[in-house]
Amino acid sequence: MPHMSLPLVRIAAAAAAIASLAGCVAYPAYPVRPRPAPVAVVEPVAPPPGVVYVAPVGIAPAPGYLWRYHRVYGWGWWHPHYGWHAGWR
């Protein structure tokens, strides 16, 4: 029966493909909900008396940055969550 071996090969190939791909799709055990990033809200601090205001020359490096006074470096961009731009401490 040579004509019967071709359908058996196809069925065996299909079964092997299904068995090999059965573990590829997995659902999480619980629903995944994105958590909002924690945000630290800090009121803007006024510069000390006698400090001259220097306006920013360019645009803010990213949304959320504020133009504030740093006690060591002077005026610069500050973000409530990421801190000072350019790594100031």
PDB file of N, CA and C in Angstrom:
ATOM      1  N   MET A   1       0.813  -1.185   0.000  1.00  0.00           N
ATOM      2  CA  MET A   1       0.000   0.000   0.000  1.00  0.00           C
ATOM      3  C   MET A   1       0.865   1.261   0.000  1.00  0.00           C
ATOM      4  N   PRO A   2       1.526   1.593  -1.088  1.00  0.00           N
ATOM      5  CA  PRO A   2       2.369   2.777  -1.141  1.00  0.00           C
ATOM      6  C   PRO A   2       1.578   4.076  -1.116  1.00  0.00           C
ATOM      7  N   HIS A   3       0.349   4.078  -1.614  1.00  0.00           N
ATOM      8  CA  HIS A   3      -0.424   5.316  -1.639  1.00  0.00           C
ATOM      9  C   HIS A   3      -0.931   5.706  -0.257  1.00  0.00           C
ATOM     10  N   MET A   4      -0.918   4.838   0.734  1.00  0.00           N
ATOM     11  CA  MET A   4      -1.357   5.145   2.090  1.00  0.00           C
ATOM     12  C   MET A   4      -0.249   5.769   2.926  1.00  0.00           C
ATOM     13  N   SER A   5       1.010   5.627   2.532  1.00  0.00           N
ATOM     14  CA  SER A   5       2.095   6.154   3.350  1.00  0.00           C
ATOM     15  C   SER A   5       2.185   7.677   3.282  1.00  0.00           C
ATOM     16  N   LEU A   6       1.817   8.294   2.160  1.00  0.00           N
ATOM     17  CA  LEU A   6       1.873   9.750   2.039  1.00  0.00           C
ATOM     18  C   LEU A   6       0.926  10.441   3.024  1.00  0.00           C
ATOM     19  N   PRO A   7      -0.353  10.041   3.154  1.00  0.00           N
ATOM     20  CA  PRO A   7      -1.208  10.680   4.161  1.00  0.00           C
ATOM     21  C   PRO A   7      -0.713  10.443   5.585  1.00  0.00           C
ATOM     22  N   LEU A   8      -0.143   9.290   5.851  1.00  0.00           N
ATOM     23  CA  LEU A   8       0.379   9.041   7.196  1.00  0.00           C
ATOM     24  C   LEU A   8       1.571   9.935   7.504  1.00  0.00           C
ATOM     25  N   VAL A   9       2.412  10.185   6.488  1.00  0.00           N
ATOM     26  CA  VAL A   9       3.549  11.093   6.684  1.00  0.00           C
ATOM     27  C   VAL A   9       3.040  12.507   6.952  1.00  0.00           C
ATOM     28  N   ARG A  10       2.015  12.936   6.232  1.00  0.00           N
ATOM     29  CA  ARG A  10       1.441  14.277   6.451  1.00  0.00           C
ATOM     30  C   ARG A  10       0.832  14.382   7.856  1.00  0.00           C
ATOM     31  N   ILE A  11       0.119  13.359   8.263  1.00  0.00           N
ATOM     32  CA  ILE A  11      -0.484  13.379   9.605  1.00  0.00           C
ATOM     33  C   ILE A  11       0.604  13.385  10.676  1.00  0.00           C
ATOM     34  N   ALA A  12       1.646  12.598  10.471  1.00  0.00           N
ATOM     35  CA  ALA A  12       2.744  12.566  11.441  1.00  0.00           C
ATOM     36  C   ALA A  12       3.460  13.913  11.495  1.00  0.00           C
ATOM     37  N   ALA A  13       3.668  14.545  10.321  1.00  0.00           N
ATOM     38  CA  ALA A  13       4.319  15.859  10.289  1.00  0.00           C
ATOM     39  C   ALA A  13       3.455  16.908  10.970  1.00  0.00           C
ATOM     40  N   ALA A  14       2.140  16.872  10.735  1.00  0.00           N
ATOM     41  CA  ALA A  14       1.232  17.825  11.377  1.00  0.00           C
ATOM     42  C   ALA A  14       1.214  17.614  12.893  1.00  0.00           C
ATOM     43  N   ALA A  15       1.207  16.369  13.325  1.00  0.00           N
ATOM     44  CA  ALA A  15       1.215  16.089  14.763  1.00  0.00           C
ATOM     45  C   ALA A  15       2.521  16.548  15.403  1.00  0.00           C
ATOM     46  N   ALA A  16       3.632  16.367  14.701  1.00  0.00           N
ATOM     47  CA  ALA A  16       4.916  16.824  15.236  1.00  0.00           C
ATOM     48  C   ALA A  16       4.965  18.348  15.316  1.00  0.00           C
ATOM     49  N   ALA A  17       4.408  19.035  14.303  1.00  0.00           N
ATOM     50  CA  ALA A  17       4.390  20.498  14.328  1.00  0.00           C
ATOM     51  C   ALA A  17       3.526  21.014  15.464  1.00  0.00           C
ATOM     52  N   ILE A  18       2.371  20.396  15.666  1.00  0.00           N
ATOM     53  CA  ILE A  18       1.489  20.821  16.750  1.00  0.00           C
ATOM     54  C   ILE A  18       2.141  20.556  18.105  1.00  0.00           C
ATOM     55  N   ALA A  19       2.774  19.407  18.245  1.00  0.00           N
ATOM     56  CA  ALA A  19       3.417  19.085  19.520  1.00  0.00           C
ATOM     57  C   ALA A  19       4.592  20.006  19.808  1.00  0.00           C
ATOM     58  N   SER A  20       5.339  20.393  18.773  1.00  0.00           N
ATOM     59  CA  SER A  20       6.496  21.258  19.015  1.00  0.00           C
ATOM     60  C   SER A  20       6.091  22.695  19.289  1.00  0.00           C
ATOM     61  N   LEU A  21       4.958  23.145  18.730  1.00  0.00           N
ATOM     62  CA  LEU A  21       4.521  24.525  18.932  1.00  0.00           C
ATOM     63  C   LEU A  21       3.523  24.683  20.076  1.00  0.00           C
ATOM     64  N   ALA A  22       3.147  23.603  20.719  1.00  0.00           N
ATOM     65  CA  ALA A  22       2.135  23.677  21.777  1.00  0.00           C
ATOM     66  C   ALA A  22       2.620  24.493  22.972  1.00  0.00           C
ATOM     67  N   GLY A  23       3.895  24.478  23.281  1.00  0.00           N
ATOM     68  CA  GLY A  23       4.406  25.204  24.436  1.00  0.00           C
ATOM     69  C   GLY A  23       4.799  26.631  24.140  1.00  0.00           C
ATOM     70  N   CYS A  24       4.620  27.111  22.916  1.00  0.00           N
ATOM     71  CA  CYS A  24       5.059  28.458  22.556  1.00  0.00           C
ATOM     72  C   CYS A  24       4.128  29.541  23.084  1.00  0.00           C
ATOM     73  N   VAL A  25       2.858  29.256  23.200  1.00  0.00           N
ATOM     74  CA  VAL A  25       1.895  30.254  23.635  1.00  0.00           C
ATOM     75  C   VAL A  25       1.541  29.961  25.077  1.00  0.00           C
ATOM     76  N   ALA A  26       1.799  30.932  25.948  1.00  0.00           N
ATOM     77  CA  ALA A  26       1.481  30.767  27.364  1.00  0.00           C
ATOM     78  C   ALA A  26       0.821  32.044  27.859  1.00  0.00           C
ATOM     79  N   TYR A  27      -0.222  31.895  28.607  1.00  0.00           N
ATOM     80  CA  TYR A  27      -0.899  33.038  29.193  1.00  0.00           C
ATOM     81  C   TYR A  27      -0.379  33.247  30.612  1.00  0.00           C
ATOM     82  N   PRO A  28      -0.295  34.500  31.057  1.00  0.00           N
ATOM     83  CA  PRO A  28       0.168  34.727  32.433  1.00  0.00           C
ATOM     84  C   PRO A  28      -0.830  34.165  33.445  1.00  0.00           C
ATOM     85  N   ALA A  29      -0.337  33.817  34.588  1.00  0.00           N
ATOM     86  CA  ALA A  29      -1.187  33.236  35.625  1.00  0.00           C
ATOM     87  C   ALA A  29      -2.151  34.270  36.207  1.00  0.00           C
ATOM     88  N   TYR A  30      -1.834  35.531  36.087  1.00  0.00           N
ATOM     89  CA  TYR A  30      -2.683  36.592  36.594  1.00  0.00           C
ATOM     90  C   TYR A  30      -2.680  37.728  35.569  1.00  0.00           C
ATOM     91  N   PRO A  31      -3.694  38.560  35.557  1.00  0.00           N
ATOM     92  CA  PRO A  31      -3.698  39.665  34.591  1.00  0.00           C
ATOM     93  C   PRO A  31      -2.600  40.674  34.917  1.00  0.00           C
ATOM     94  N   VAL A  32      -1.921  41.116  33.909  1.00  0.00           N
ATOM     95  CA  VAL A  32      -0.821  42.062  34.074  1.00  0.00           C
ATOM     96  C   VAL A  32      -1.371  43.469  33.904  1.00  0.00           C
ATOM     97  N   ARG A  33      -1.235  44.268  34.935  1.00  0.00           N
ATOM     98  CA  ARG A  33      -1.672  45.663  34.884  1.00  0.00           C
ATOM     99  C   ARG A  33      -0.454  46.550  35.081  1.00  0.00           C
ATOM    100  N   PRO A  34      -0.256  47.514  34.205  1.00  0.00           N
ATOM    101  CA  PRO A  34       0.915  48.396  34.381  1.00  0.00           C
ATOM    102  C   PRO A  34       0.755  49.256  35.628  1.00  0.00           C
ATOM    103  N   ARG A  35       1.857  49.387  36.345  1.00  0.00           N
ATOM    104  CA  ARG A  35       1.850  50.235  37.539  1.00  0.00           C
ATOM    105  C   ARG A  35       2.294  51.638  37.152  1.00  0.00           C
ATOM    106  N   PRO A  36       1.619  52.650  37.669  1.00  0.00           N
ATOM    107  CA  PRO A  36       2.091  54.006  37.397  1.00  0.00           C
ATOM    108  C   PRO A  36       3.405  54.261  38.124  1.00  0.00           C
ATOM    109  N   ALA A  37       4.262  55.001  37.488  1.00  0.00           N
ATOM    110  CA  ALA A  37       5.559  55.320  38.087  1.00  0.00           C
ATOM    111  C   ALA A  37       5.352  56.262  39.274  1.00  0.00           C
ATOM    112  N   PRO A  38       6.046  56.031  40.383  1.00  0.00           N
ATOM    113  CA  PRO A  38       5.914  56.942  41.515  1.00  0.00           C
ATOM    114  C   PRO A  38       6.483  58.312  41.163  1.00  0.00           C
ATOM    115  N   VAL A  39       5.760  59.310  41.541  1.00  0.00           N
ATOM    116  CA  VAL A  39       6.171  60.679  41.228  1.00  0.00           C
ATOM    117  C   VAL A  39       6.341  61.445  42.530  1.00  0.00           C
ATOM    118  N   ALA A  40       7.487  62.049  42.689  1.00  0.00           N
ATOM    119  CA  ALA A  40       7.734  62.891  43.851  1.00  0.00           C
ATOM    120  C   ALA A  40       7.403  64.335  43.485  1.00  0.00           C
ATOM    121  N   VAL A  41       6.430  64.889  44.137  1.00  0.00           N
ATOM    122  CA  VAL A  41       6.037  66.267  43.851  1.00  0.00           C
ATOM    123  C   VAL A  41       6.743  67.167  44.857  1.00  0.00           C
ATOM    124  N   VAL A  42       7.568  68.052  44.343  1.00  0.00           N
ATOM    125  CA  VAL A  42       8.324  68.970  45.188  1.00  0.00           C
ATOM    126  C   VAL A  42       8.020  70.388  44.715  1.00  0.00           C
ATOM    127  N   GLU A  43       7.710  71.232  45.660  1.00  0.00           N
ATOM    128  CA  GLU A  43       7.421  72.625  45.309  1.00  0.00           C
ATOM    129  C   GLU A  43       8.692  73.324  44.831  1.00  0.00           C
ATOM    130  N   PRO A  44       8.587  74.173  43.829  1.00  0.00           N
ATOM    131  CA  PRO A  44       9.767  74.911  43.376  1.00  0.00           C
ATOM    132  C   PRO A  44      10.354  75.751  44.510  1.00  0.00           C
ATOM    133  N   VAL A  45      11.656  75.771  44.568  1.00  0.00           N
ATOM    134  CA  VAL A  45      12.357  76.501  45.614  1.00  0.00           C
ATOM    135  C   VAL A  45      12.839  77.833  45.039  1.00  0.00           C
ATOM    136  N   ALA A  46      12.577  78.891  45.760  1.00  0.00           N
ATOM    137  CA  ALA A  46      13.045  80.211  45.328  1.00  0.00           C
ATOM    138  C   ALA A  46      14.550  80.310  45.566  1.00  0.00           C
ATOM    139  N   PRO A  47      15.265  80.967  44.681  1.00  0.00           N
ATOM    140  CA  PRO A  47      16.704  81.123  44.903  1.00  0.00           C
ATOM    141  C   PRO A  47      16.957  82.003  46.128  1.00  0.00           C
ATOM    142  N   PRO A  48      18.120  81.858  46.740  1.00  0.00           N
ATOM    143  CA  PRO A  48      18.422  82.690  47.906  1.00  0.00           C
ATOM    144  C   PRO A  48      18.498  84.173  47.522  1.00  0.00           C
ATOM    145  N   PRO A  49      18.371  85.043  48.504  1.00  0.00           N
ATOM    146  CA  PRO A  49      18.434  86.478  48.205  1.00  0.00           C
ATOM    147  C   PRO A  49      19.784  86.852  47.593  1.00  0.00           C
ATOM    148  N   GLY A  50      19.733  87.724  46.630  1.00  0.00           N
ATOM    149  CA  GLY A  50      20.947  88.195  45.981  1.00  0.00           C
ATOM    150  C   GLY A  50      21.349  87.401  44.752  1.00  0.00           C
ATOM    151  N   VAL A  51      20.650  86.323  44.446  1.00  0.00           N
ATOM    152  CA  VAL A  51      20.965  85.525  43.249  1.00  0.00           C
ATOM    153  C   VAL A  51      20.214  86.113  42.073  1.00  0.00           C
ATOM    154  N   VAL A  52      20.941  86.365  41.005  1.00  0.00           N
ATOM    155  CA  VAL A  52      20.350  86.944  39.806  1.00  0.00           C
ATOM    156  C   VAL A  52      19.735  85.829  38.969  1.00  0.00           C
ATOM    157  N   TYR A  53      18.512  86.075  38.481  1.00  0.00           N
ATOM    158  CA  TYR A  53      17.846  85.091  37.634  1.00  0.00           C
ATOM    159  C   TYR A  53      18.491  85.090  36.248  1.00  0.00           C
ATOM    160  N   VAL A  54      18.794  83.898  35.759  1.00  0.00           N
ATOM    161  CA  VAL A  54      19.344  83.736  34.420  1.00  0.00           C
ATOM    162  C   VAL A  54      18.344  82.910  33.628  1.00  0.00           C
ATOM    163  N   ALA A  55      17.815  83.446  32.563  1.00  0.00           N
ATOM    164  CA  ALA A  55      16.805  82.753  31.755  1.00  0.00           C
ATOM    165  C   ALA A  55      17.443  81.596  30.987  1.00  0.00           C
ATOM    166  N   PRO A  56      16.684  80.530  30.749  1.00  0.00           N
ATOM    167  CA  PRO A  56      17.235  79.418  29.976  1.00  0.00           C
ATOM    168  C   PRO A  56      17.494  79.820  28.530  1.00  0.00           C
ATOM    169  N   VAL A  57      18.568  79.306  27.956  1.00  0.00           N
ATOM    170  CA  VAL A  57      18.940  79.649  26.582  1.00  0.00           C
ATOM    171  C   VAL A  57      18.194  78.754  25.591  1.00  0.00           C
ATOM    172  N   GLY A  58      18.069  77.463  25.907  1.00  0.00           N
ATOM    173  CA  GLY A  58      17.414  76.518  24.999  1.00  0.00           C
ATOM    174  C   GLY A  58      16.121  75.992  25.587  1.00  0.00           C
ATOM    175  N   ILE A  59      15.633  74.932  24.969  1.00  0.00           N
ATOM    176  CA  ILE A  59      14.407  74.311  25.448  1.00  0.00           C
ATOM    177  C   ILE A  59      14.746  73.267  26.512  1.00  0.00           C
ATOM    178  N   ALA A  60      13.731  72.834  27.243  1.00  0.00           N
ATOM    179  CA  ALA A  60      13.923  71.816  28.279  1.00  0.00           C
ATOM    180  C   ALA A  60      14.369  70.503  27.639  1.00  0.00           C
ATOM    181  N   PRO A  61      15.217  69.716  28.322  1.00  0.00           N
ATOM    182  CA  PRO A  61      15.712  68.478  27.737  1.00  0.00           C
ATOM    183  C   PRO A  61      14.622  67.425  27.522  1.00  0.00           C
ATOM    184  N   ALA A  62      13.539  67.466  28.301  1.00  0.00           N
ATOM    185  CA  ALA A  62      12.442  66.506  28.160  1.00  0.00           C
ATOM    186  C   ALA A  62      11.232  67.076  28.894  1.00  0.00           C
ATOM    187  N   PRO A  63      10.055  66.517  28.661  1.00  0.00           N
ATOM    188  CA  PRO A  63       8.878  67.005  29.388  1.00  0.00           C
ATOM    189  C   PRO A  63       9.033  66.802  30.895  1.00  0.00           C
ATOM    190  N   GLY A  64       8.559  67.772  31.661  1.00  0.00           N
ATOM    191  CA  GLY A  64       8.591  67.669  33.110  1.00  0.00           C
ATOM    192  C   GLY A  64       9.751  68.379  33.770  1.00  0.00           C
ATOM    193  N   TYR A  65      10.749  68.807  33.005  1.00  0.00           N
ATOM    194  CA  TYR A  65      11.896  69.496  33.598  1.00  0.00           C
ATOM    195  C   TYR A  65      11.543  70.945  33.896  1.00  0.00           C
ATOM    196  N   LEU A  66      12.050  71.442  35.028  1.00  0.00           N
ATOM    197  CA  LEU A  66      11.812  72.815  35.467  1.00  0.00           C
ATOM    198  C   LEU A  66      13.147  73.550  35.552  1.00  0.00           C
ATOM    199  N   TRP A  67      13.120  74.832  35.287  1.00  0.00           N
ATOM    200  CA  TRP A  67      14.310  75.675  35.387  1.00  0.00           C
ATOM    201  C   TRP A  67      14.440  76.120  36.831  1.00  0.00           C
ATOM    202  N   ARG A  68      15.460  75.615  37.543  1.00  0.00           N
ATOM    203  CA  ARG A  68      15.633  75.907  38.969  1.00  0.00           C
ATOM    204  C   ARG A  68      17.067  76.279  39.280  1.00  0.00           C
ATOM    205  N   TYR A  69      17.256  76.795  40.484  1.00  0.00           N
ATOM    206  CA  TYR A  69      18.573  77.217  40.942  1.00  0.00           C
ATOM    207  C   TYR A  69      19.225  76.097  41.743  1.00  0.00           C
ATOM    208  N   HIS A  70      20.477  75.773  41.413  1.00  0.00           N
ATOM    209  CA  HIS A  70      21.266  74.793  42.156  1.00  0.00           C
ATOM    210  C   HIS A  70      22.279  75.564  42.998  1.00  0.00           C
ATOM    211  N   ARG A  71      22.428  75.186  44.267  1.00  0.00           N
ATOM    212  CA  ARG A  71      23.277  75.974  45.164  1.00  0.00           C
ATOM    213  C   ARG A  71      24.750  75.940  44.794  1.00  0.00           C
ATOM    214  N   VAL A  72      25.207  74.927  44.044  1.00  0.00           N
ATOM    215  CA  VAL A  72      26.618  74.831  43.661  1.00  0.00           C
ATOM    216  C   VAL A  72      26.838  75.268  42.213  1.00  0.00           C
ATOM    217  N   TYR A  73      25.988  74.781  41.299  1.00  0.00           N
ATOM    218  CA  TYR A  73      26.212  74.997  39.876  1.00  0.00           C
ATOM    219  C   TYR A  73      25.461  76.184  39.292  1.00  0.00           C
ATOM    220  N   GLY A  74      24.506  76.730  40.004  1.00  0.00           N
ATOM    221  CA  GLY A  74      23.734  77.841  39.463  1.00  0.00           C
ATOM    222  C   GLY A  74      22.425  77.347  38.857  1.00  0.00           C
ATOM    223  N   TRP A  75      21.991  77.983  37.773  1.00  0.00           N
ATOM    224  CA  TRP A  75      20.706  77.664  37.160  1.00  0.00           C
ATOM    225  C   TRP A  75      20.833  76.445  36.252  1.00  0.00           C
ATOM    226  N   GLY A  76      19.793  75.584  36.297  1.00  0.00           N
ATOM    227  CA  GLY A  76      19.806  74.391  35.454  1.00  0.00           C
ATOM    228  C   GLY A  76      18.454  73.710  35.427  1.00  0.00           C
ATOM    229  N   TRP A  77      18.372  72.655  34.645  1.00  0.00           N
ATOM    230  CA  TRP A  77      17.120  71.907  34.485  1.00  0.00           C
ATOM    231  C   TRP A  77      17.010  70.843  35.572  1.00  0.00           C
ATOM    232  N   TRP A  78      15.847  70.793  36.233  1.00  0.00           N
ATOM    233  CA  TRP A  78      15.582  69.853  37.310  1.00  0.00           C
ATOM    234  C   TRP A  78      14.252  69.149  37.059  1.00  0.00           C
ATOM    235  N   HIS A  79      14.204  67.842  37.326  1.00  0.00           N
ATOM    236  CA  HIS A  79      12.975  67.060  37.168  1.00  0.00           C
ATOM    237  C   HIS A  79      12.571  66.511  38.530  1.00  0.00           C
ATOM    238  N   PRO A  80      11.271  66.528  38.877  1.00  0.00           N
ATOM    239  CA  PRO A  80      10.855  66.055  40.199  1.00  0.00           C
ATOM    240  C   PRO A  80      11.154  64.577  40.444  1.00  0.00           C
ATOM    241  N   HIS A  81      11.226  63.772  39.390  1.00  0.00           N
ATOM    242  CA  HIS A  81      11.473  62.339  39.566  1.00  0.00           C
ATOM    243  C   HIS A  81      12.923  61.963  39.270  1.00  0.00           C
ATOM    244  N   TYR A  82      13.527  62.570  38.253  1.00  0.00           N
ATOM    245  CA  TYR A  82      14.875  62.194  37.815  1.00  0.00           C
ATOM    246  C   TYR A  82      15.985  63.065  38.400  1.00  0.00           C
ATOM    247  N   GLY A  83      15.643  64.183  38.977  1.00  0.00           N
ATOM    248  CA  GLY A  83      16.667  65.051  39.561  1.00  0.00           C
ATOM    249  C   GLY A  83      17.250  66.025  38.547  1.00  0.00           C
ATOM    250  N   TRP A  84      18.495  66.401  38.756  1.00  0.00           N
ATOM    251  CA  TRP A  84      19.139  67.409  37.924  1.00  0.00           C
ATOM    252  C   TRP A  84      19.604  66.819  36.605  1.00  0.00           C
ATOM    253  N   HIS A  85      19.455  67.613  35.553  1.00  0.00           N
ATOM    254  CA  HIS A  85      19.945  67.222  34.238  1.00  0.00           C
ATOM    255  C   HIS A  85      21.460  67.302  34.248  1.00  0.00           C
ATOM    256  N   ALA A  86      22.125  66.461  33.499  1.00  0.00           N
ATOM    257  CA  ALA A  86      23.589  66.399  33.390  1.00  0.00           C
ATOM    258  C   ALA A  86      24.236  65.854  34.655  1.00  0.00           C
ATOM    259  N   GLY A  87      23.485  65.176  35.512  1.00  0.00           N
ATOM    260  CA  GLY A  87      24.067  64.472  36.648  1.00  0.00           C
ATOM    261  C   GLY A  87      24.471  65.316  37.832  1.00  0.00           C
ATOM    262  N   TRP A  88      23.967  66.532  37.947  1.00  0.00           N
ATOM    263  CA  TRP A  88      24.299  67.335  39.134  1.00  0.00           C
ATOM    264  C   TRP A  88      23.710  66.679  40.367  1.00  0.00           C
ATOM    265  N   ARG A  89      24.358  66.824  41.499  1.00  0.00           N
ATOM    266  CA  ARG A  89      23.850  66.257  42.762  1.00  0.00           C
ATOM    267  C   ARG A  89      23.619  67.355  43.753  1.00  0.00           C
TER     268      ARG A  89
END
